[in-house]
Amino acid sequence: MESCGAASKDNLNDEASLSFVDAIPVNPLEQIALTSSIQPNEGTMSTLYGNEIANEYAQTHGDAKYPSGTTLYEVTWRQKADSLWFGANIPKEIIKIEVVRFDENSSPAYERYEGRPLRKMSNENINVSKRIDAIRSQRMAVSP
């Protein structure tokens, strides 16, 4: 007879992580989570991560005028049903990572990674300024 915790199974969601074959130079999941959102009509969820500069700025400013050296990462996953919580959804696989880098000498740089494995994509069919504005305008989530 097993007790409640005796047969603890591994609950890590490896499917929602990066793999060693993904071609993104920095693992955004190791950065600081700033905010998250769900897109129920698309069956996706996203988390905005940032480096230390982004985090410090977002904690004290409500605008989107990030300083030089800031890097933001918008990670978007497909959703799947959570096997532990009825009615809840959790991340499945990463479908897109968008990176916005701020440099004092130029406008923000934008990169996009998609596919399985993740590869850097061309921006020719993307409205880059619209994506940069959408990413940088997200406000940091407030927590107690």
N, C-alpha and C. Protein backbone atom coordinates (compact mmCIF):
# COMPACT_ATOMS: atom_id res chain seq x y z
N MET A 1 0.84 -1.18 0.00
CA MET A 1 0.00 0.00 0.00
C MET A 1 0.89 1.24 0.00
N GLU A 2 0.55 2.20 -0.85
CA GLU A 2 1.35 3.41 -0.97
C GLU A 2 0.69 4.56 -0.21
N SER A 3 1.52 5.37 0.38
CA SER A 3 0.99 6.58 1.00
C SER A 3 0.91 7.68 -0.05
N CYS A 4 0.35 8.79 0.33
CA CYS A 4 0.14 9.88 -0.62
C CYS A 4 1.41 10.31 -1.34
N GLY A 5 2.52 10.39 -0.63
CA GLY A 5 3.74 10.89 -1.24
C GLY A 5 4.74 9.82 -1.59
N ALA A 6 4.44 8.57 -1.32
CA ALA A 6 5.42 7.51 -1.51
C ALA A 6 5.79 7.31 -2.97
N ALA A 7 4.87 7.44 -3.88
CA ALA A 7 5.14 7.19 -5.29
C ALA A 7 5.24 8.51 -6.06
N SER A 8 6.02 9.44 -5.50
CA SER A 8 6.16 10.75 -6.14
C SER A 8 6.76 10.60 -7.52
N LYS A 9 6.05 11.12 -8.50
CA LYS A 9 6.58 11.05 -9.86
C LYS A 9 7.25 12.36 -10.22
N ASP A 10 8.09 12.32 -11.21
CA ASP A 10 8.80 13.51 -11.66
C ASP A 10 7.82 14.45 -12.33
N ASN A 11 7.64 15.64 -11.76
CA ASN A 11 6.68 16.60 -12.30
C ASN A 11 7.34 17.74 -13.06
N LEU A 12 8.59 17.58 -13.45
CA LEU A 12 9.24 18.60 -14.27
C LEU A 12 8.64 18.59 -15.67
N ASN A 13 8.40 19.75 -16.20
CA ASN A 13 7.81 19.88 -17.53
C ASN A 13 8.92 20.10 -18.55
N ASP A 14 9.68 19.04 -18.84
CA ASP A 14 10.80 19.14 -19.77
C ASP A 14 10.36 19.55 -21.16
N GLU A 15 9.16 19.20 -21.55
CA GLU A 15 8.63 19.53 -22.88
C GLU A 15 8.57 21.04 -23.09
N ALA A 16 8.40 21.81 -22.02
CA ALA A 16 8.27 23.26 -22.11
C ALA A 16 9.61 23.99 -22.01
N SER A 17 10.70 23.25 -21.96
CA SER A 17 12.03 23.83 -21.82
C SER A 17 12.74 23.91 -23.17
N LEU A 18 13.87 24.58 -23.17
CA LEU A 18 14.73 24.58 -24.34
C LEU A 18 15.51 23.27 -24.39
N SER A 19 15.90 22.89 -25.58
CA SER A 19 16.75 21.70 -25.72
C SER A 19 18.13 22.13 -26.17
N PHE A 20 19.08 21.22 -26.11
CA PHE A 20 20.45 21.55 -26.48
C PHE A 20 20.60 21.82 -27.98
N VAL A 21 19.61 21.46 -28.79
CA VAL A 21 19.70 21.70 -30.23
C VAL A 21 19.07 23.03 -30.65
N ASP A 22 18.42 23.74 -29.73
CA ASP A 22 17.85 25.04 -30.06
C ASP A 22 18.97 26.05 -30.29
N ALA A 23 18.79 26.91 -31.29
CA ALA A 23 19.85 27.82 -31.73
C ALA A 23 19.71 29.22 -31.15
N ILE A 24 19.33 29.33 -29.90
CA ILE A 24 19.25 30.65 -29.27
C ILE A 24 20.43 30.77 -28.30
N PRO A 25 21.20 31.87 -28.39
CA PRO A 25 22.44 31.95 -27.62
C PRO A 25 22.28 32.07 -26.11
N VAL A 26 21.16 32.62 -25.63
CA VAL A 26 20.92 32.78 -24.20
C VAL A 26 19.61 32.06 -23.87
N ASN A 27 19.59 31.33 -22.77
CA ASN A 27 18.36 30.67 -22.33
C ASN A 27 17.50 31.69 -21.58
N PRO A 28 16.42 32.18 -22.21
CA PRO A 28 15.61 33.20 -21.54
C PRO A 28 14.92 32.68 -20.28
N LEU A 29 14.75 31.36 -20.17
CA LEU A 29 14.10 30.79 -19.00
C LEU A 29 14.97 30.92 -17.75
N GLU A 30 16.24 31.28 -17.94
CA GLU A 30 17.14 31.51 -16.82
C GLU A 30 17.22 32.99 -16.45
N GLN A 31 16.46 33.83 -17.15
CA GLN A 31 16.42 35.26 -16.87
C GLN A 31 15.31 35.52 -15.83
N ILE A 32 14.97 36.76 -15.60
CA ILE A 32 14.00 37.15 -14.57
C ILE A 32 12.62 37.30 -15.21
N ALA A 33 11.64 36.59 -14.67
CA ALA A 33 10.26 36.71 -15.19
C ALA A 33 9.69 38.04 -14.76
N LEU A 34 9.20 38.81 -15.75
CA LEU A 34 8.63 40.12 -15.47
C LEU A 34 7.11 40.09 -15.43
N THR A 35 6.49 39.38 -16.36
CA THR A 35 5.04 39.28 -16.40
C THR A 35 4.66 38.10 -17.29
N SER A 36 3.39 37.73 -17.24
CA SER A 36 2.92 36.63 -18.09
C SER A 36 1.52 36.94 -18.58
N SER A 37 1.13 36.21 -19.63
CA SER A 37 -0.20 36.40 -20.20
C SER A 37 -0.66 35.11 -20.86
N ILE A 38 -1.96 35.02 -21.06
CA ILE A 38 -2.51 33.88 -21.80
C ILE A 38 -3.30 34.43 -22.98
N GLN A 39 -3.32 33.65 -24.04
CA GLN A 39 -4.07 33.98 -25.23
C GLN A 39 -5.02 32.80 -25.47
N PRO A 40 -6.17 32.76 -24.77
CA PRO A 40 -7.05 31.58 -24.83
C PRO A 40 -7.56 31.26 -26.22
N ASN A 41 -7.81 32.27 -27.05
CA ASN A 41 -8.31 31.99 -28.40
C ASN A 41 -7.27 31.31 -29.27
N GLU A 42 -6.00 31.50 -28.95
CA GLU A 42 -4.92 30.89 -29.72
C GLU A 42 -4.37 29.64 -29.04
N GLY A 43 -4.80 29.37 -27.80
CA GLY A 43 -4.29 28.21 -27.07
C GLY A 43 -2.83 28.35 -26.70
N THR A 44 -2.40 29.62 -26.42
CA THR A 44 -1.01 29.85 -26.06
C THR A 44 -0.91 30.64 -24.77
N MET A 45 0.28 30.65 -24.22
CA MET A 45 0.61 31.44 -23.03
C MET A 45 2.01 31.99 -23.22
N SER A 46 2.26 33.15 -22.64
CA SER A 46 3.55 33.80 -22.81
C SER A 46 4.08 34.32 -21.48
N THR A 47 5.40 34.38 -21.38
CA THR A 47 6.05 35.01 -20.25
C THR A 47 7.10 35.96 -20.80
N LEU A 48 7.13 37.17 -20.24
CA LEU A 48 8.14 38.14 -20.59
C LEU A 48 9.25 38.06 -19.56
N TYR A 49 10.44 37.73 -20.02
CA TYR A 49 11.63 37.66 -19.18
C TYR A 49 12.53 38.84 -19.51
N GLY A 50 13.37 39.22 -18.57
CA GLY A 50 14.34 40.28 -18.83
C GLY A 50 15.62 40.03 -18.07
N ASN A 51 16.67 40.71 -18.52
CA ASN A 51 17.93 40.62 -17.79
C ASN A 51 17.84 41.51 -16.54
N GLU A 52 18.91 41.58 -15.80
CA GLU A 52 18.92 42.34 -14.53
C GLU A 52 18.60 43.82 -14.77
N ILE A 53 19.12 44.40 -15.86
CA ILE A 53 18.86 45.80 -16.16
C ILE A 53 17.36 46.02 -16.39
N ALA A 54 16.74 45.12 -17.15
CA ALA A 54 15.30 45.21 -17.40
C ALA A 54 14.51 45.10 -16.11
N ASN A 55 14.88 44.17 -15.25
CA ASN A 55 14.18 43.97 -13.99
C ASN A 55 14.28 45.20 -13.10
N GLU A 56 15.48 45.75 -12.94
CA GLU A 56 15.66 46.93 -12.10
C GLU A 56 14.85 48.12 -12.64
N TYR A 57 14.85 48.28 -13.95
CA TYR A 57 14.12 49.40 -14.54
C TYR A 57 12.61 49.21 -14.37
N ALA A 58 12.12 48.01 -14.65
CA ALA A 58 10.68 47.74 -14.57
C ALA A 58 10.14 47.89 -13.14
N GLN A 59 10.97 47.63 -12.15
CA GLN A 59 10.53 47.76 -10.76
C GLN A 59 10.29 49.21 -10.36
N THR A 60 10.96 50.14 -11.01
CA THR A 60 10.88 51.54 -10.59
C THR A 60 10.28 52.48 -11.63
N HIS A 61 9.95 51.97 -12.81
CA HIS A 61 9.40 52.81 -13.88
C HIS A 61 8.16 52.15 -14.49
N GLY A 62 7.20 52.95 -14.83
CA GLY A 62 5.99 52.43 -15.47
C GLY A 62 5.97 52.64 -16.97
N ASP A 63 7.05 53.20 -17.50
CA ASP A 63 7.07 53.45 -18.95
C ASP A 63 7.84 52.34 -19.67
N ALA A 64 7.95 52.48 -20.96
CA ALA A 64 8.61 51.47 -21.78
C ALA A 64 9.92 51.98 -22.35
N LYS A 65 10.54 52.93 -21.66
CA LYS A 65 11.78 53.54 -22.15
C LYS A 65 12.99 52.86 -21.51
N TYR A 66 13.17 51.59 -21.82
CA TYR A 66 14.25 50.81 -21.21
C TYR A 66 15.62 51.39 -21.56
N PRO A 67 16.55 51.34 -20.62
CA PRO A 67 17.89 51.88 -20.87
C PRO A 67 18.75 50.95 -21.72
N SER A 68 19.85 51.48 -22.19
CA SER A 68 20.82 50.70 -22.94
C SER A 68 21.28 49.50 -22.10
N GLY A 69 21.45 48.39 -22.75
CA GLY A 69 21.87 47.16 -22.06
C GLY A 69 20.73 46.26 -21.68
N THR A 70 19.50 46.74 -21.84
CA THR A 70 18.32 45.94 -21.52
C THR A 70 18.09 44.88 -22.60
N THR A 71 17.75 43.68 -22.17
CA THR A 71 17.30 42.64 -23.10
C THR A 71 16.02 42.05 -22.55
N LEU A 72 14.99 42.00 -23.41
CA LEU A 72 13.70 41.39 -23.09
C LEU A 72 13.50 40.15 -23.94
N TYR A 73 12.87 39.12 -23.36
CA TYR A 73 12.60 37.87 -24.06
C TYR A 73 11.12 37.53 -23.87
N GLU A 74 10.36 37.50 -24.94
CA GLU A 74 8.96 37.08 -24.89
C GLU A 74 8.92 35.62 -25.35
N VAL A 75 8.63 34.71 -24.42
CA VAL A 75 8.58 33.28 -24.71
C VAL A 75 7.12 32.86 -24.79
N THR A 76 6.74 32.22 -25.90
CA THR A 76 5.36 31.79 -26.10
C THR A 76 5.32 30.28 -26.26
N TRP A 77 4.43 29.65 -25.49
CA TRP A 77 4.24 28.21 -25.52
C TRP A 77 2.82 27.86 -26.00
N ARG A 78 2.66 26.69 -26.57
CA ARG A 78 1.33 26.11 -26.72
C ARG A 78 0.91 25.68 -25.31
N GLN A 79 -0.39 25.61 -25.09
CA GLN A 79 -0.89 25.15 -23.79
C GLN A 79 -1.29 23.68 -23.87
N LYS A 80 -1.27 23.04 -22.72
CA LYS A 80 -1.82 21.69 -22.58
C LYS A 80 -2.49 21.61 -21.22
N ALA A 81 -3.39 20.66 -21.11
CA ALA A 81 -4.10 20.46 -19.84
C ALA A 81 -3.12 20.00 -18.77
N ASP A 82 -3.28 20.52 -17.59
CA ASP A 82 -2.45 20.13 -16.46
C ASP A 82 -3.00 18.84 -15.88
N SER A 83 -2.17 17.82 -15.81
CA SER A 83 -2.62 16.52 -15.31
C SER A 83 -2.82 16.53 -13.79
N LEU A 84 -2.32 17.55 -13.10
CA LEU A 84 -2.44 17.61 -11.64
C LEU A 84 -3.58 18.49 -11.16
N TRP A 85 -4.01 19.45 -11.98
CA TRP A 85 -5.06 20.38 -11.58
C TRP A 85 -6.13 20.38 -12.65
N PHE A 86 -7.30 19.89 -12.32
CA PHE A 86 -8.42 19.84 -13.26
C PHE A 86 -8.77 21.24 -13.73
N GLY A 87 -8.87 21.41 -15.03
CA GLY A 87 -9.27 22.69 -15.62
C GLY A 87 -8.13 23.67 -15.83
N ALA A 88 -6.94 23.35 -15.34
CA ALA A 88 -5.80 24.25 -15.50
C ALA A 88 -5.01 23.90 -16.76
N ASN A 89 -4.33 24.89 -17.30
CA ASN A 89 -3.45 24.68 -18.43
C ASN A 89 -2.03 25.05 -18.03
N ILE A 90 -1.08 24.36 -18.64
CA ILE A 90 0.34 24.62 -18.41
C ILE A 90 1.03 24.70 -19.77
N PRO A 91 2.28 25.19 -19.80
CA PRO A 91 3.00 25.26 -21.07
C PRO A 91 3.27 23.87 -21.64
N LYS A 92 3.17 23.78 -22.95
CA LYS A 92 3.57 22.57 -23.68
C LYS A 92 4.93 22.89 -24.29
N GLU A 93 5.07 22.90 -25.61
CA GLU A 93 6.36 23.23 -26.21
C GLU A 93 6.44 24.71 -26.55
N ILE A 94 7.65 25.23 -26.55
CA ILE A 94 7.89 26.61 -26.96
C ILE A 94 7.64 26.71 -28.46
N ILE A 95 6.83 27.69 -28.85
CA ILE A 95 6.59 27.88 -30.28
C ILE A 95 7.30 29.12 -30.82
N LYS A 96 7.65 30.04 -29.92
CA LYS A 96 8.30 31.27 -30.39
C LYS A 96 9.02 31.96 -29.25
N ILE A 97 10.19 32.50 -29.54
CA ILE A 97 10.89 33.39 -28.61
C ILE A 97 11.24 34.64 -29.39
N GLU A 98 10.83 35.79 -28.83
CA GLU A 98 11.16 37.07 -29.43
C GLU A 98 12.11 37.79 -28.49
N VAL A 99 13.16 38.36 -29.05
CA VAL A 99 14.19 39.03 -28.27
C VAL A 99 14.26 40.49 -28.70
N VAL A 100 14.24 41.40 -27.71
CA VAL A 100 14.40 42.82 -27.98
C VAL A 100 15.58 43.31 -27.16
N ARG A 101 16.57 43.88 -27.86
CA ARG A 101 17.77 44.42 -27.21
C ARG A 101 17.81 45.93 -27.40
N PHE A 102 18.14 46.62 -26.32
CA PHE A 102 18.20 48.08 -26.34
C PHE A 102 19.66 48.53 -26.28
N ASP A 103 20.03 49.36 -27.25
CA ASP A 103 21.37 49.91 -27.35
C ASP A 103 21.22 51.42 -27.43
N GLU A 104 22.03 52.16 -26.73
CA GLU A 104 21.86 53.62 -26.69
C GLU A 104 22.10 54.29 -28.04
N ASN A 105 22.79 53.65 -28.94
CA ASN A 105 23.14 54.29 -30.21
C ASN A 105 22.18 53.98 -31.35
N SER A 106 21.17 53.15 -31.10
CA SER A 106 20.27 52.80 -32.19
C SER A 106 18.89 52.45 -31.64
N SER A 107 17.96 52.21 -32.55
CA SER A 107 16.65 51.77 -32.11
C SER A 107 16.76 50.31 -31.64
N PRO A 108 15.80 49.82 -30.87
CA PRO A 108 15.88 48.45 -30.35
C PRO A 108 16.02 47.43 -31.48
N ALA A 109 16.83 46.41 -31.23
CA ALA A 109 17.02 45.32 -32.18
C ALA A 109 16.06 44.20 -31.85
N TYR A 110 15.52 43.54 -32.88
CA TYR A 110 14.52 42.49 -32.70
C TYR A 110 14.99 41.21 -33.39
N GLU A 111 14.83 40.09 -32.68
CA GLU A 111 15.10 38.76 -33.24
C GLU A 111 13.95 37.85 -32.88
N ARG A 112 13.71 36.86 -33.74
CA ARG A 112 12.62 35.91 -33.51
C ARG A 112 13.14 34.50 -33.79
N TYR A 113 12.80 33.57 -32.89
CA TYR A 113 13.18 32.17 -33.02
C TYR A 113 11.92 31.33 -33.03
N GLU A 114 11.81 30.44 -34.00
CA GLU A 114 10.65 29.56 -34.11
C GLU A 114 11.09 28.19 -34.61
N GLY A 115 10.16 27.24 -34.58
CA GLY A 115 10.40 25.91 -35.14
C GLY A 115 10.85 24.91 -34.10
N ARG A 116 10.97 23.68 -34.56
CA ARG A 116 11.44 22.57 -33.71
C ARG A 116 12.59 21.92 -34.41
N PRO A 117 13.82 22.13 -34.04
CA PRO A 117 14.30 22.98 -32.96
C PRO A 117 14.18 24.47 -33.30
N LEU A 118 14.29 25.30 -32.26
CA LEU A 118 14.19 26.74 -32.46
C LEU A 118 15.36 27.26 -33.30
N ARG A 119 15.01 28.05 -34.33
CA ARG A 119 16.01 28.65 -35.21
C ARG A 119 15.66 30.12 -35.42
N LYS A 120 16.69 30.94 -35.62
CA LYS A 120 16.48 32.36 -35.89
C LYS A 120 15.77 32.50 -37.23
N MET A 121 14.71 33.31 -37.23
CA MET A 121 13.87 33.50 -38.42
C MET A 121 14.12 34.87 -39.03
N SER A 122 13.78 34.97 -40.30
CA SER A 122 13.83 36.25 -41.01
C SER A 122 12.69 37.13 -40.50
N ASN A 123 12.92 38.43 -40.49
CA ASN A 123 11.88 39.37 -40.06
C ASN A 123 11.15 40.01 -41.23
N GLU A 124 11.31 39.46 -42.43
CA GLU A 124 10.76 40.12 -43.61
C GLU A 124 9.24 40.20 -43.64
N ASN A 125 8.53 39.27 -43.03
CA ASN A 125 7.06 39.30 -43.02
C ASN A 125 6.49 39.73 -41.68
N ILE A 126 7.31 40.37 -40.86
CA ILE A 126 6.91 40.79 -39.51
C ILE A 126 6.96 42.31 -39.43
N ASN A 127 5.97 42.89 -38.77
CA ASN A 127 6.01 44.32 -38.48
C ASN A 127 6.84 44.47 -37.20
N VAL A 128 8.14 44.65 -37.39
CA VAL A 128 9.09 44.65 -36.28
C VAL A 128 8.77 45.74 -35.26
N SER A 129 8.49 46.95 -35.71
CA SER A 129 8.22 48.03 -34.75
C SER A 129 6.97 47.74 -33.93
N LYS A 130 5.97 47.12 -34.54
CA LYS A 130 4.75 46.75 -33.80
C LYS A 130 5.06 45.69 -32.74
N ARG A 131 5.89 44.70 -33.08
CA ARG A 131 6.25 43.66 -32.12
C ARG A 131 7.10 44.25 -30.98
N ILE A 132 8.04 45.12 -31.31
CA ILE A 132 8.85 45.76 -30.26
C ILE A 132 7.96 46.55 -29.32
N ASP A 133 7.04 47.33 -29.86
CA ASP A 133 6.13 48.12 -29.03
C ASP A 133 5.26 47.23 -28.15
N ALA A 134 4.77 46.12 -28.69
CA ALA A 134 3.93 45.20 -27.92
C ALA A 134 4.72 44.57 -26.77
N ILE A 135 5.95 44.22 -27.03
CA ILE A 135 6.77 43.57 -26.00
C ILE A 135 7.20 44.57 -24.93
N ARG A 136 7.70 45.70 -25.34
CA ARG A 136 8.22 46.68 -24.38
C ARG A 136 7.12 47.36 -23.57
N SER A 137 5.90 47.37 -24.05
CA SER A 137 4.80 48.06 -23.34
C SER A 137 4.19 47.23 -22.21
N GLN A 138 4.58 45.96 -22.09
CA GLN A 138 4.04 45.12 -21.02
C GLN A 138 4.57 45.61 -19.67
N ARG A 139 3.68 45.68 -18.71
CA ARG A 139 4.05 46.14 -17.37
C ARG A 139 4.47 44.96 -16.50
N MET A 140 5.39 45.22 -15.62
CA MET A 140 5.86 44.20 -14.69
C MET A 140 4.71 43.78 -13.78
N ALA A 141 4.58 42.48 -13.56
CA ALA A 141 3.55 41.97 -12.66
C ALA A 141 3.91 42.37 -11.22
N VAL A 142 2.90 42.78 -10.48
CA VAL A 142 3.11 43.20 -9.09
C VAL A 142 2.86 42.00 -8.20
N SER A 143 3.79 41.74 -7.31
CA SER A 143 3.60 40.64 -6.36
C SER A 143 3.87 41.15 -4.95
N PRO A 144 3.24 40.53 -3.99
CA PRO A 144 3.40 40.99 -2.60
C PRO A 144 4.79 40.72 -2.06
